[in-house]
Structures are given as C-alpha cells and as structure tokens.
C-alpha cells in the first residue's frame, strides 16, 4: 500500500516521478512529476491515491482532477520519433527529467523503477515505487490519464487499431490491424513488430 514512508526519510521538497507507455507500439511515452506538500497530505482524496494500474479509469480521472488542482505537478511527453531516435529507456528517462525540471525547488526525487534520470536533485530509484510511495503513485495517475487521453484522440484519427481500448500496446487486435492497415506516423518504427512490417 502506497504511503509517505519513503518521503519521510528526506527533508526538503520530495517529488514522485513515473512514466507510462514504454511497452506500446504507438503513441508517446509520458512522464509526470508530482509534489505532495506535507500540509496537504490530510486532504480526503489522498487516501485513494494508489498505483494507476490498480485504480479504475473513472477513479483515475477523478484523482487526476484533484491532484492537478491541489499539488505542484508537471508532465512531459516524447513522441514516437524521439523514441526512435534514441531508445525507449533513454526516452523514458528524458521525459522524467523534463517533467522534474519544470518544478523548481525539488531536493529529492523518488523515481519509479531501477534507473534514475540525471537530475539536479538527489534521485532515488524505487522498484515498484508506484505501489510504495504516494508521490510516485500520484505521478503514475497523472501520466496514465494524460497518455490515455492522447491515445483516445489518436484513435479518432486512426480508428482501425483500437487505441481507445489498448492504448497502443501490442494486443492481438492492434497487431492484426497493423498487418491489414499498415504503419501510421504514430507508430514506433524501431519496435520489432512495426519494423518487421516496414521491412516486409
């Protein structure tokens, strides 16, 4: 259960950093940074903040509104082209750094995963951090909702791929649509299933 145990190990301003969208074949990778000030931890909705994967879509939208209304936050998205120009790991780290750098005064960053971006603050990697830290869980919700909104919008432009349902992940539906309808400008051309279709 996510709480503030990790945050309480540090003095100063502590943020949570998380990203979503490393695995999809299409769409951006999105990172979010959230600071939950100590004097706002008692707000009612904070108890419901949890790993975005364990929160329903309706609840995620509700929490997104509350988090962005009450806490300092920032979002960064890197396009499929930017992902292809480096690689998904570097793009994810860059997105997290970009989000972090939009908020001034951060002294410590709790970063979901086993690697940290190159930050000006003290960065701590936290494996399964979105299940342990409220700040990281809040960032996971912000990033997830923001990216899902992008994918729903792209699904309206490219209705064959089911992105409103699969968010660009390589589901059977998405893979079949790739074979039938081909590669869009929103696909990651460096990812093997997409690359193979371009090469065939």
N, C-alpha and C. Protein backbone atom coordinates (compact mmCIF):
# COMPACT_ATOMS: atom_id res chain seq x y z
N UNK A 1 0.84 -1.19 0.00
CA UNK A 1 0.00 0.00 0.00
C UNK A 1 0.89 1.25 0.00
N UNK A 2 0.64 2.14 -0.93
CA UNK A 2 1.45 3.35 -1.03
C UNK A 2 1.20 4.26 0.18
N UNK A 3 2.28 4.79 0.73
CA UNK A 3 2.17 5.75 1.83
C UNK A 3 3.29 6.77 1.71
N UNK A 4 3.59 7.46 2.80
CA UNK A 4 4.62 8.50 2.76
C UNK A 4 5.90 8.10 3.50
N UNK A 5 6.09 6.80 3.70
CA UNK A 5 7.27 6.34 4.44
C UNK A 5 8.57 6.74 3.74
N UNK A 6 8.61 6.60 2.43
CA UNK A 6 9.83 6.97 1.69
C UNK A 6 10.03 8.48 1.71
N UNK A 7 8.97 9.22 1.51
CA UNK A 7 9.06 10.69 1.52
C UNK A 7 9.60 11.18 2.87
N UNK A 8 9.18 10.52 3.95
CA UNK A 8 9.54 10.98 5.30
C UNK A 8 11.00 10.73 5.64
N UNK A 9 11.71 10.01 4.78
CA UNK A 9 13.14 9.78 5.03
C UNK A 9 13.98 11.00 4.65
N UNK A 10 13.36 11.98 4.01
CA UNK A 10 14.13 13.12 3.49
C UNK A 10 13.53 14.45 3.94
N UNK A 11 14.41 15.38 4.23
CA UNK A 11 13.99 16.75 4.46
C UNK A 11 13.91 17.47 3.12
N UNK A 12 13.22 18.57 3.08
CA UNK A 12 13.14 19.34 1.85
C UNK A 12 11.92 18.97 1.04
N UNK A 13 12.00 19.29 -0.26
CA UNK A 13 10.87 19.07 -1.17
C UNK A 13 11.08 17.76 -1.92
N UNK A 14 10.18 16.82 -1.72
CA UNK A 14 10.30 15.48 -2.31
C UNK A 14 9.23 15.32 -3.39
N UNK A 15 9.65 14.86 -4.56
CA UNK A 15 8.70 14.60 -5.64
C UNK A 15 8.65 13.11 -5.96
N UNK A 16 7.59 12.72 -6.63
CA UNK A 16 7.50 11.39 -7.21
C UNK A 16 7.56 11.50 -8.71
N UNK A 17 8.28 10.59 -9.35
CA UNK A 17 8.42 10.57 -10.81
C UNK A 17 8.02 9.20 -11.33
N UNK A 18 7.21 9.19 -12.38
CA UNK A 18 6.85 7.93 -13.01
C UNK A 18 6.58 8.18 -14.48
N UNK A 19 6.64 7.11 -15.26
CA UNK A 19 6.34 7.21 -16.69
C UNK A 19 5.40 6.09 -17.09
N UNK A 20 4.68 6.31 -18.16
CA UNK A 20 3.84 5.27 -18.74
C UNK A 20 4.09 5.24 -20.25
N UNK A 21 3.90 4.05 -20.81
CA UNK A 21 3.99 3.95 -22.26
C UNK A 21 5.31 3.43 -22.78
N UNK A 22 6.04 2.66 -21.99
CA UNK A 22 7.29 2.08 -22.51
C UNK A 22 7.00 0.92 -23.47
N UNK A 23 5.94 0.17 -23.21
CA UNK A 23 5.67 -1.04 -23.98
C UNK A 23 4.88 -0.91 -25.25
N UNK A 24 4.08 0.15 -25.43
CA UNK A 24 3.25 0.23 -26.62
C UNK A 24 4.03 0.33 -27.93
N UNK A 25 3.37 -0.02 -29.01
CA UNK A 25 3.95 0.11 -30.35
C UNK A 25 3.65 1.48 -30.95
N UNK A 26 2.75 2.22 -30.33
CA UNK A 26 2.34 3.51 -30.88
C UNK A 26 2.13 4.52 -29.75
N UNK A 27 2.23 5.78 -30.13
CA UNK A 27 1.99 6.86 -29.17
C UNK A 27 3.23 7.26 -28.40
N UNK A 28 3.12 8.34 -27.64
CA UNK A 28 4.27 8.86 -26.90
C UNK A 28 4.55 8.07 -25.63
N UNK A 29 5.73 8.29 -25.07
CA UNK A 29 5.99 7.90 -23.68
C UNK A 29 5.78 9.17 -22.86
N UNK A 30 5.09 9.03 -21.74
CA UNK A 30 4.69 10.19 -20.94
C UNK A 30 5.20 10.02 -19.51
N UNK A 31 5.79 11.07 -18.98
CA UNK A 31 6.25 11.07 -17.60
C UNK A 31 5.57 12.19 -16.83
N UNK A 32 5.41 11.98 -15.54
CA UNK A 32 4.84 13.01 -14.69
C UNK A 32 5.64 13.13 -13.41
N UNK A 33 5.64 14.33 -12.88
CA UNK A 33 6.31 14.64 -11.62
C UNK A 33 5.27 15.28 -10.71
N UNK A 34 5.18 14.81 -9.47
CA UNK A 34 4.20 15.35 -8.52
C UNK A 34 4.86 15.58 -7.17
N UNK A 35 4.58 16.71 -6.58
CA UNK A 35 5.00 17.01 -5.21
C UNK A 35 3.74 17.10 -4.35
N UNK A 36 3.68 16.29 -3.29
CA UNK A 36 2.56 16.36 -2.35
C UNK A 36 3.07 17.05 -1.08
N UNK A 37 2.75 18.32 -0.91
CA UNK A 37 3.24 19.04 0.27
C UNK A 37 2.74 18.39 1.56
N UNK A 38 3.57 18.44 2.58
CA UNK A 38 3.22 17.82 3.86
C UNK A 38 1.90 18.35 4.41
N UNK A 39 1.65 19.64 4.23
CA UNK A 39 0.45 20.22 4.81
C UNK A 39 -0.83 19.89 4.03
N UNK A 40 -0.68 19.12 2.92
CA UNK A 40 -1.86 18.73 2.15
C UNK A 40 -2.09 17.22 2.14
N UNK A 41 -1.29 16.50 2.91
CA UNK A 41 -1.45 15.04 2.96
C UNK A 41 -2.79 14.61 3.55
N UNK A 42 -3.40 15.47 4.33
CA UNK A 42 -4.65 15.10 5.01
C UNK A 42 -5.89 15.34 4.16
N UNK A 43 -5.72 15.86 2.94
CA UNK A 43 -6.87 16.03 2.06
C UNK A 43 -7.54 14.68 1.80
N UNK A 44 -8.87 14.68 1.76
CA UNK A 44 -9.62 13.42 1.71
C UNK A 44 -9.19 12.49 0.59
N UNK A 45 -8.98 13.03 -0.60
CA UNK A 45 -8.72 12.19 -1.76
C UNK A 45 -7.35 11.51 -1.73
N UNK A 46 -6.44 12.01 -0.89
CA UNK A 46 -5.08 11.45 -0.85
C UNK A 46 -5.10 9.97 -0.46
N UNK A 47 -6.05 9.59 0.39
CA UNK A 47 -6.15 8.18 0.80
C UNK A 47 -6.38 7.25 -0.39
N UNK A 48 -7.03 7.76 -1.44
CA UNK A 48 -7.37 6.94 -2.60
C UNK A 48 -6.26 6.87 -3.64
N UNK A 49 -5.20 7.67 -3.47
CA UNK A 49 -4.10 7.66 -4.44
C UNK A 49 -3.35 6.34 -4.33
N UNK A 50 -3.27 5.62 -5.44
CA UNK A 50 -2.62 4.32 -5.50
C UNK A 50 -2.04 4.12 -6.89
N UNK A 51 -1.29 3.03 -7.06
CA UNK A 51 -0.76 2.64 -8.36
C UNK A 51 -1.86 2.76 -9.41
N UNK A 52 -1.59 3.50 -10.49
CA UNK A 52 -2.61 3.77 -11.50
C UNK A 52 -3.20 2.49 -12.09
N UNK A 53 -2.41 1.42 -12.12
CA UNK A 53 -2.89 0.16 -12.69
C UNK A 53 -3.95 -0.49 -11.80
N UNK A 54 -4.02 -0.06 -10.55
CA UNK A 54 -4.96 -0.65 -9.60
C UNK A 54 -6.15 0.27 -9.32
N UNK A 55 -6.26 1.34 -10.11
CA UNK A 55 -7.34 2.30 -9.94
C UNK A 55 -8.20 2.28 -11.21
N UNK A 56 -9.51 2.28 -11.07
CA UNK A 56 -10.39 2.22 -12.23
C UNK A 56 -10.25 3.48 -13.08
N UNK A 57 -10.56 3.38 -14.37
CA UNK A 57 -10.45 4.56 -15.24
C UNK A 57 -11.25 5.76 -14.73
N UNK A 58 -12.46 5.51 -14.24
CA UNK A 58 -13.28 6.61 -13.72
C UNK A 58 -12.61 7.25 -12.51
N UNK A 59 -12.10 6.42 -11.61
CA UNK A 59 -11.44 6.94 -10.41
C UNK A 59 -10.15 7.67 -10.77
N UNK A 60 -9.43 7.15 -11.77
CA UNK A 60 -8.20 7.84 -12.21
C UNK A 60 -8.51 9.25 -12.68
N UNK A 61 -9.56 9.41 -13.47
CA UNK A 61 -9.93 10.74 -13.96
C UNK A 61 -10.27 11.67 -12.80
N UNK A 62 -10.98 11.15 -11.82
CA UNK A 62 -11.35 11.94 -10.64
C UNK A 62 -10.10 12.36 -9.86
N UNK A 63 -9.19 11.41 -9.66
CA UNK A 63 -7.96 11.71 -8.93
C UNK A 63 -7.06 12.67 -9.71
N UNK A 64 -7.05 12.53 -11.03
CA UNK A 64 -6.28 13.45 -11.88
C UNK A 64 -6.71 14.89 -11.60
N UNK A 65 -8.02 15.11 -11.57
CA UNK A 65 -8.54 16.46 -11.33
C UNK A 65 -8.13 16.98 -9.96
N UNK A 66 -8.20 16.12 -8.95
CA UNK A 66 -7.86 16.53 -7.59
C UNK A 66 -6.36 16.80 -7.44
N UNK A 67 -5.56 15.89 -7.97
CA UNK A 67 -4.10 16.03 -7.85
C UNK A 67 -3.63 17.30 -8.55
N UNK A 68 -4.11 17.51 -9.77
CA UNK A 68 -3.65 18.69 -10.52
C UNK A 68 -4.20 19.99 -9.95
N UNK A 69 -5.29 19.91 -9.20
CA UNK A 69 -5.86 21.12 -8.59
C UNK A 69 -5.13 21.51 -7.31
N UNK A 70 -4.55 20.54 -6.60
CA UNK A 70 -4.02 20.80 -5.27
C UNK A 70 -2.50 20.71 -5.13
N UNK A 71 -1.83 20.01 -6.05
CA UNK A 71 -0.39 19.77 -5.88
C UNK A 71 0.42 20.31 -7.05
N UNK A 72 1.67 20.72 -6.82
CA UNK A 72 2.56 21.04 -7.94
C UNK A 72 2.77 19.78 -8.79
N UNK A 73 2.65 19.92 -10.10
CA UNK A 73 2.86 18.77 -10.99
C UNK A 73 3.38 19.26 -12.33
N UNK A 74 3.96 18.34 -13.08
CA UNK A 74 4.43 18.63 -14.44
C UNK A 74 4.36 17.35 -15.26
N UNK A 75 4.18 17.53 -16.56
CA UNK A 75 4.06 16.41 -17.48
C UNK A 75 5.00 16.62 -18.66
N UNK A 76 5.60 15.53 -19.13
CA UNK A 76 6.43 15.60 -20.34
C UNK A 76 6.12 14.39 -21.22
N UNK A 77 5.95 14.63 -22.51
CA UNK A 77 5.69 13.55 -23.46
C UNK A 77 6.73 13.58 -24.56
N UNK A 78 7.29 12.42 -24.88
CA UNK A 78 8.22 12.29 -26.01
C UNK A 78 7.55 11.50 -27.12
N UNK A 79 7.66 11.99 -28.32
CA UNK A 79 6.96 11.43 -29.48
C UNK A 79 7.60 10.11 -29.94
N UNK A 80 6.88 9.35 -30.76
CA UNK A 80 7.47 8.15 -31.34
C UNK A 80 8.78 8.43 -32.08
N UNK A 81 8.87 9.57 -32.78
CA UNK A 81 10.10 9.92 -33.48
C UNK A 81 11.25 10.09 -32.50
N UNK A 82 10.98 10.77 -31.39
CA UNK A 82 12.03 10.96 -30.37
C UNK A 82 12.43 9.64 -29.73
N UNK A 83 11.45 8.74 -29.57
CA UNK A 83 11.75 7.40 -29.04
C UNK A 83 12.65 6.65 -30.01
N UNK A 84 12.32 6.72 -31.30
CA UNK A 84 13.09 6.01 -32.32
C UNK A 84 14.51 6.57 -32.46
N UNK A 85 14.67 7.86 -32.19
CA UNK A 85 15.98 8.48 -32.35
C UNK A 85 16.96 8.07 -31.25
N UNK A 86 16.46 7.69 -30.10
CA UNK A 86 17.34 7.21 -29.03
C UNK A 86 16.99 5.76 -28.77
N UNK A 87 16.25 5.49 -27.75
CA UNK A 87 15.63 4.20 -27.48
C UNK A 87 14.61 4.44 -26.38
N UNK A 88 13.78 3.46 -26.10
CA UNK A 88 12.67 3.70 -25.18
C UNK A 88 13.16 3.98 -23.77
N UNK A 89 14.23 3.35 -23.34
CA UNK A 89 14.75 3.61 -21.99
C UNK A 89 15.21 5.05 -21.87
N UNK A 90 16.04 5.49 -22.83
CA UNK A 90 16.54 6.86 -22.78
C UNK A 90 15.41 7.88 -22.92
N UNK A 91 14.44 7.57 -23.76
CA UNK A 91 13.29 8.47 -23.92
C UNK A 91 12.50 8.58 -22.62
N UNK A 92 12.34 7.46 -21.93
CA UNK A 92 11.62 7.47 -20.65
C UNK A 92 12.36 8.31 -19.63
N UNK A 93 13.68 8.15 -19.56
CA UNK A 93 14.49 8.91 -18.60
C UNK A 93 14.46 10.41 -18.95
N UNK A 94 14.52 10.71 -20.24
CA UNK A 94 14.46 12.11 -20.67
C UNK A 94 13.13 12.74 -20.32
N UNK A 95 12.04 12.00 -20.54
CA UNK A 95 10.72 12.51 -20.21
C UNK A 95 10.61 12.79 -18.71
N UNK A 96 11.16 11.89 -17.89
CA UNK A 96 11.11 12.11 -16.44
C UNK A 96 11.94 13.33 -16.04
N UNK A 97 13.11 13.47 -16.65
CA UNK A 97 13.94 14.64 -16.35
C UNK A 97 13.24 15.93 -16.76
N UNK A 98 12.60 15.93 -17.93
CA UNK A 98 11.90 17.11 -18.41
C UNK A 98 10.76 17.51 -17.46
N UNK A 99 10.02 16.49 -16.96
CA UNK A 99 8.93 16.77 -16.03
C UNK A 99 9.49 17.32 -14.72
N UNK A 100 10.52 16.68 -14.22
CA UNK A 100 11.16 17.11 -12.97
C UNK A 100 11.63 18.56 -13.05
N UNK A 101 12.25 18.90 -14.16
CA UNK A 101 12.89 20.22 -14.28
C UNK A 101 11.88 21.36 -14.43
N UNK A 102 10.61 21.04 -14.64
CA UNK A 102 9.58 22.07 -14.73
C UNK A 102 9.14 22.59 -13.36
N UNK A 103 9.50 21.87 -12.30
CA UNK A 103 9.12 22.27 -10.94
C UNK A 103 10.38 22.71 -10.20
N UNK A 104 10.39 23.93 -9.73
CA UNK A 104 11.57 24.44 -9.04
C UNK A 104 11.56 24.06 -7.56
N UNK A 105 12.75 23.94 -7.00
CA UNK A 105 12.88 23.74 -5.56
C UNK A 105 12.90 22.30 -5.09
N UNK A 106 12.80 21.34 -6.01
CA UNK A 106 12.82 19.93 -5.60
C UNK A 106 14.22 19.58 -5.08
N UNK A 107 14.27 18.91 -3.94
CA UNK A 107 15.56 18.49 -3.37
C UNK A 107 15.78 16.99 -3.48
N UNK A 108 14.68 16.21 -3.51
CA UNK A 108 14.78 14.75 -3.59
C UNK A 108 13.72 14.24 -4.56
N UNK A 109 14.10 13.28 -5.38
CA UNK A 109 13.18 12.70 -6.35
C UNK A 109 13.10 11.19 -6.14
N UNK A 110 11.90 10.70 -5.90
CA UNK A 110 11.65 9.26 -5.82
C UNK A 110 11.21 8.82 -7.21
N UNK A 111 12.01 7.94 -7.83
CA UNK A 111 11.81 7.59 -9.23
C UNK A 111 11.37 6.13 -9.34
N UNK A 112 10.25 5.89 -9.97
CA UNK A 112 9.78 4.52 -10.14
C UNK A 112 10.74 3.75 -11.04
N UNK A 113 11.10 2.53 -10.62
CA UNK A 113 11.96 1.69 -11.44
C UNK A 113 13.32 1.49 -10.82
N UNK A 114 14.25 0.96 -11.64
CA UNK A 114 15.60 0.67 -11.13
C UNK A 114 16.66 1.59 -11.72
N UNK A 115 16.24 2.61 -12.46
CA UNK A 115 17.19 3.57 -13.01
C UNK A 115 16.65 4.98 -12.78
N UNK A 116 17.56 5.93 -12.67
CA UNK A 116 17.13 7.32 -12.46
C UNK A 116 17.68 8.19 -13.58
N UNK A 117 16.94 9.22 -13.96
CA UNK A 117 17.49 10.20 -14.91
C UNK A 117 18.54 11.06 -14.22
N UNK A 118 19.29 11.79 -15.01
CA UNK A 118 20.32 12.68 -14.48
C UNK A 118 19.66 13.97 -14.00
N UNK A 119 19.44 14.07 -12.70
CA UNK A 119 18.70 15.19 -12.14
C UNK A 119 19.60 16.09 -11.30
N UNK A 120 19.16 17.33 -11.12
CA UNK A 120 19.88 18.25 -10.25
C UNK A 120 19.56 17.99 -8.78
N UNK A 121 18.48 17.25 -8.53
CA UNK A 121 18.13 16.89 -7.15
C UNK A 121 18.66 15.49 -6.85
N UNK A 122 18.57 15.09 -5.60
CA UNK A 122 19.01 13.75 -5.19
C UNK A 122 17.97 12.73 -5.64
N UNK A 123 18.35 11.85 -6.55
CA UNK A 123 17.41 10.89 -7.14
C UNK A 123 17.56 9.52 -6.51
N UNK A 124 16.43 8.89 -6.20
CA UNK A 124 16.40 7.57 -5.59
C UNK A 124 15.52 6.66 -6.43
N UNK A 125 16.08 5.56 -6.94
CA UNK A 125 15.29 4.59 -7.70
C UNK A 125 14.50 3.72 -6.73
N UNK A 126 13.22 3.54 -7.02
CA UNK A 126 12.35 2.74 -6.15
C UNK A 126 11.63 1.70 -7.02
N UNK A 127 12.06 0.45 -6.93
CA UNK A 127 11.42 -0.61 -7.69
C UNK A 127 9.99 -0.79 -7.19
N UNK A 128 9.04 -0.87 -8.12
CA UNK A 128 7.61 -0.91 -7.80
C UNK A 128 7.22 0.28 -6.93
N UNK A 129 7.81 1.43 -7.24
CA UNK A 129 7.59 2.62 -6.44
C UNK A 129 6.15 3.09 -6.42
N UNK A 130 5.41 2.82 -7.51
CA UNK A 130 4.01 3.27 -7.54
C UNK A 130 3.14 2.49 -6.56
N UNK A 131 3.67 1.38 -6.02
CA UNK A 131 2.95 0.63 -5.00
C UNK A 131 3.41 1.00 -3.59
N UNK A 132 4.49 1.80 -3.49
CA UNK A 132 5.09 2.11 -2.19
C UNK A 132 4.96 3.57 -1.79
N UNK A 133 5.05 4.47 -2.75
CA UNK A 133 5.10 5.91 -2.48
C UNK A 133 3.86 6.61 -3.02
N UNK A 134 3.22 7.41 -2.17
CA UNK A 134 2.06 8.19 -2.62
C UNK A 134 2.44 9.17 -3.72
N UNK A 135 3.63 9.76 -3.61
CA UNK A 135 4.07 10.73 -4.62
C UNK A 135 4.26 10.08 -5.98
N UNK A 136 4.89 8.89 -5.99
CA UNK A 136 5.08 8.17 -7.26
C UNK A 136 3.73 7.70 -7.79
N UNK A 137 2.86 7.21 -6.91
CA UNK A 137 1.53 6.76 -7.34
C UNK A 137 0.75 7.91 -7.97
N UNK A 138 0.85 9.09 -7.36
CA UNK A 138 0.18 10.27 -7.93
C UNK A 138 0.73 10.58 -9.32
N UNK A 139 2.05 10.49 -9.47
CA UNK A 139 2.66 10.73 -10.79
C UNK A 139 2.21 9.68 -11.79
N UNK A 140 2.05 8.44 -11.35
CA UNK A 140 1.60 7.37 -12.26
C UNK A 140 0.19 7.65 -12.76
N UNK A 141 -0.67 8.18 -11.89
CA UNK A 141 -2.03 8.51 -12.29
C UNK A 141 -2.05 9.66 -13.29
N UNK A 142 -1.26 10.69 -13.02
CA UNK A 142 -1.20 11.84 -13.94
C UNK A 142 -0.71 11.40 -15.31
N UNK A 143 0.37 10.63 -15.35
CA UNK A 143 0.93 10.20 -16.62
C UNK A 143 -0.03 9.28 -17.37
N UNK A 144 -0.66 8.37 -16.64
CA UNK A 144 -1.57 7.41 -17.28
C UNK A 144 -2.79 8.10 -17.89
N UNK A 145 -3.42 8.99 -17.12
CA UNK A 145 -4.61 9.68 -17.63
C UNK A 145 -4.24 10.55 -18.84
N UNK A 146 -3.14 11.27 -18.73
CA UNK A 146 -2.71 12.15 -19.82
C UNK A 146 -2.45 11.35 -21.09
N UNK A 147 -1.74 10.23 -20.96
CA UNK A 147 -1.43 9.43 -22.15
C UNK A 147 -2.68 8.77 -22.72
N UNK A 148 -3.55 8.27 -21.85
CA UNK A 148 -4.78 7.64 -22.35
C UNK A 148 -5.64 8.63 -23.13
N UNK A 149 -5.65 9.88 -22.69
CA UNK A 149 -6.40 10.91 -23.42
C UNK A 149 -5.81 11.12 -24.81
N UNK A 150 -4.48 11.12 -24.89
CA UNK A 150 -3.82 11.27 -26.19
C UNK A 150 -4.20 10.10 -27.10
N UNK A 151 -4.16 8.89 -26.56
CA UNK A 151 -4.43 7.71 -27.39
C UNK A 151 -5.89 7.65 -27.83
N UNK A 152 -6.80 8.13 -27.00
CA UNK A 152 -8.21 8.18 -27.43
C UNK A 152 -8.39 9.18 -28.58
N UNK A 153 -7.69 10.30 -28.48
CA UNK A 153 -7.76 11.29 -29.56
C UNK A 153 -7.17 10.73 -30.86
N UNK A 154 -6.03 10.05 -30.75
CA UNK A 154 -5.41 9.44 -31.94
C UNK A 154 -6.29 8.33 -32.51
N UNK A 155 -7.04 7.66 -31.64
CA UNK A 155 -7.94 6.59 -32.11
C UNK A 155 -9.04 7.15 -33.00
N UNK A 156 -9.44 8.39 -32.76
CA UNK A 156 -10.45 9.01 -33.62
C UNK A 156 -9.91 9.25 -35.02
N UNK A 157 -8.60 9.55 -35.10
CA UNK A 157 -7.96 9.79 -36.40
C UNK A 157 -7.61 8.48 -37.11
N UNK A 158 -7.34 7.45 -36.33
CA UNK A 158 -6.94 6.14 -36.88
C UNK A 158 -7.77 5.06 -36.19
N UNK A 159 -9.02 4.88 -36.61
CA UNK A 159 -9.96 4.04 -35.85
C UNK A 159 -9.73 2.54 -35.94
N UNK A 160 -8.84 2.09 -36.82
CA UNK A 160 -8.72 0.65 -37.06
C UNK A 160 -7.92 -0.09 -35.99
N UNK A 161 -7.17 0.62 -35.17
CA UNK A 161 -6.17 -0.03 -34.31
C UNK A 161 -6.64 -0.28 -32.88
N UNK A 162 -7.80 0.26 -32.52
CA UNK A 162 -8.33 0.03 -31.18
C UNK A 162 -7.57 0.73 -30.09
N UNK A 163 -6.93 1.85 -30.42
CA UNK A 163 -6.09 2.52 -29.41
C UNK A 163 -6.89 3.03 -28.22
N UNK A 164 -8.20 3.29 -28.43
CA UNK A 164 -9.03 3.73 -27.30
C UNK A 164 -9.20 2.61 -26.27
N UNK A 165 -8.95 1.37 -26.72
CA UNK A 165 -9.04 0.21 -25.81
C UNK A 165 -7.67 -0.29 -25.38
N UNK A 166 -6.71 -0.34 -26.32
CA UNK A 166 -5.41 -0.97 -26.00
C UNK A 166 -4.29 0.03 -25.75
N UNK A 167 -4.57 1.33 -25.90
CA UNK A 167 -3.59 2.40 -25.64
C UNK A 167 -2.29 2.22 -26.43
N UNK A 168 -2.38 1.48 -27.53
CA UNK A 168 -1.20 1.29 -28.37
C UNK A 168 -0.36 0.08 -28.02
N UNK A 169 -0.74 -0.65 -26.96
CA UNK A 169 0.01 -1.86 -26.60
C UNK A 169 -0.19 -2.92 -27.69
N UNK A 170 0.76 -3.87 -27.80
CA UNK A 170 0.71 -4.85 -28.90
C UNK A 170 -0.29 -5.97 -28.67
N UNK A 171 -1.56 -5.61 -28.53
CA UNK A 171 -2.61 -6.63 -28.40
C UNK A 171 -2.81 -7.33 -29.74
N UNK A 172 -3.52 -8.43 -29.71
CA UNK A 172 -3.81 -9.15 -30.96
C UNK A 172 -4.56 -8.25 -31.93
N UNK A 173 -5.49 -7.46 -31.40
CA UNK A 173 -6.26 -6.53 -32.21
C UNK A 173 -5.34 -5.52 -32.91
N UNK A 174 -4.41 -4.97 -32.17
CA UNK A 174 -3.50 -3.96 -32.72
C UNK A 174 -2.57 -4.58 -33.75
N UNK A 175 -2.03 -5.74 -33.43
CA UNK A 175 -1.11 -6.42 -34.37
C UNK A 175 -1.81 -6.76 -35.68
N UNK A 176 -3.04 -7.25 -35.59
CA UNK A 176 -3.79 -7.59 -36.80
C UNK A 176 -4.06 -6.36 -37.63
N UNK A 177 -4.42 -5.26 -36.97
CA UNK A 177 -4.69 -4.01 -37.70
C UNK A 177 -3.43 -3.50 -38.40
N UNK A 178 -2.29 -3.69 -37.76
CA UNK A 178 -1.02 -3.30 -38.40
C UNK A 178 -0.81 -4.06 -39.70
N UNK A 179 -1.10 -5.35 -39.68
CA UNK A 179 -0.92 -6.17 -40.88
C UNK A 179 -1.88 -5.73 -41.99
N UNK A 180 -3.10 -5.37 -41.61
CA UNK A 180 -4.13 -5.03 -42.61
C UNK A 180 -4.01 -3.59 -43.08
N UNK A 181 -3.81 -2.66 -42.15
CA UNK A 181 -3.88 -1.23 -42.46
C UNK A 181 -2.52 -0.54 -42.50
N UNK A 182 -1.47 -1.23 -42.06
CA UNK A 182 -0.13 -0.67 -42.16
C UNK A 182 0.25 0.23 -40.99
N UNK A 183 1.39 0.88 -41.16
CA UNK A 183 2.02 1.67 -40.12
C UNK A 183 1.59 3.14 -40.24
N UNK A 184 1.23 3.76 -39.12
CA UNK A 184 0.85 5.17 -39.10
C UNK A 184 2.05 6.02 -38.66
N UNK A 185 1.96 7.34 -38.78
CA UNK A 185 3.02 8.22 -38.26
C UNK A 185 3.17 8.15 -36.74
N UNK A 186 2.20 7.54 -36.07
CA UNK A 186 2.24 7.48 -34.61
C UNK A 186 2.85 6.18 -34.10
N UNK A 187 3.25 5.31 -35.00
CA UNK A 187 3.90 4.06 -34.60
C UNK A 187 5.40 4.26 -34.37
N UNK A 188 5.93 3.44 -33.48
CA UNK A 188 7.36 3.48 -33.17
C UNK A 188 8.09 2.52 -34.12
N UNK A 189 8.78 3.10 -35.07
CA UNK A 189 9.36 2.30 -36.16
C UNK A 189 10.54 1.45 -35.72
N UNK A 190 11.13 1.77 -34.56
CA UNK A 190 12.25 0.99 -34.06
C UNK A 190 11.80 -0.26 -33.31
N UNK A 191 10.50 -0.36 -33.00
CA UNK A 191 10.00 -1.52 -32.27
C UNK A 191 9.80 -2.68 -33.26
N UNK A 192 10.23 -3.86 -32.86
CA UNK A 192 10.34 -5.00 -33.77
C UNK A 192 9.07 -5.31 -34.57
N UNK A 193 7.89 -5.39 -33.96
CA UNK A 193 6.70 -5.73 -34.77
C UNK A 193 6.42 -4.69 -35.87
N UNK A 194 6.71 -3.42 -35.59
CA UNK A 194 6.49 -2.37 -36.58
C UNK A 194 7.60 -2.41 -37.64
N UNK A 195 8.83 -2.57 -37.18
CA UNK A 195 9.96 -2.62 -38.09
C UNK A 195 9.84 -3.76 -39.09
N UNK A 196 9.37 -4.91 -38.62
CA UNK A 196 9.23 -6.08 -39.49
C UNK A 196 8.22 -5.81 -40.62
N UNK A 197 7.14 -5.11 -40.28
CA UNK A 197 6.15 -4.79 -41.31
C UNK A 197 6.74 -3.80 -42.32
N UNK A 198 7.49 -2.84 -41.85
CA UNK A 198 8.11 -1.87 -42.77
C UNK A 198 9.14 -2.54 -43.68
N UNK A 199 9.80 -3.56 -43.16
CA UNK A 199 10.83 -4.25 -43.94
C UNK A 199 10.26 -5.30 -44.90
N UNK A 200 9.02 -5.72 -44.66
CA UNK A 200 8.45 -6.78 -45.48
C UNK A 200 7.88 -6.25 -46.79
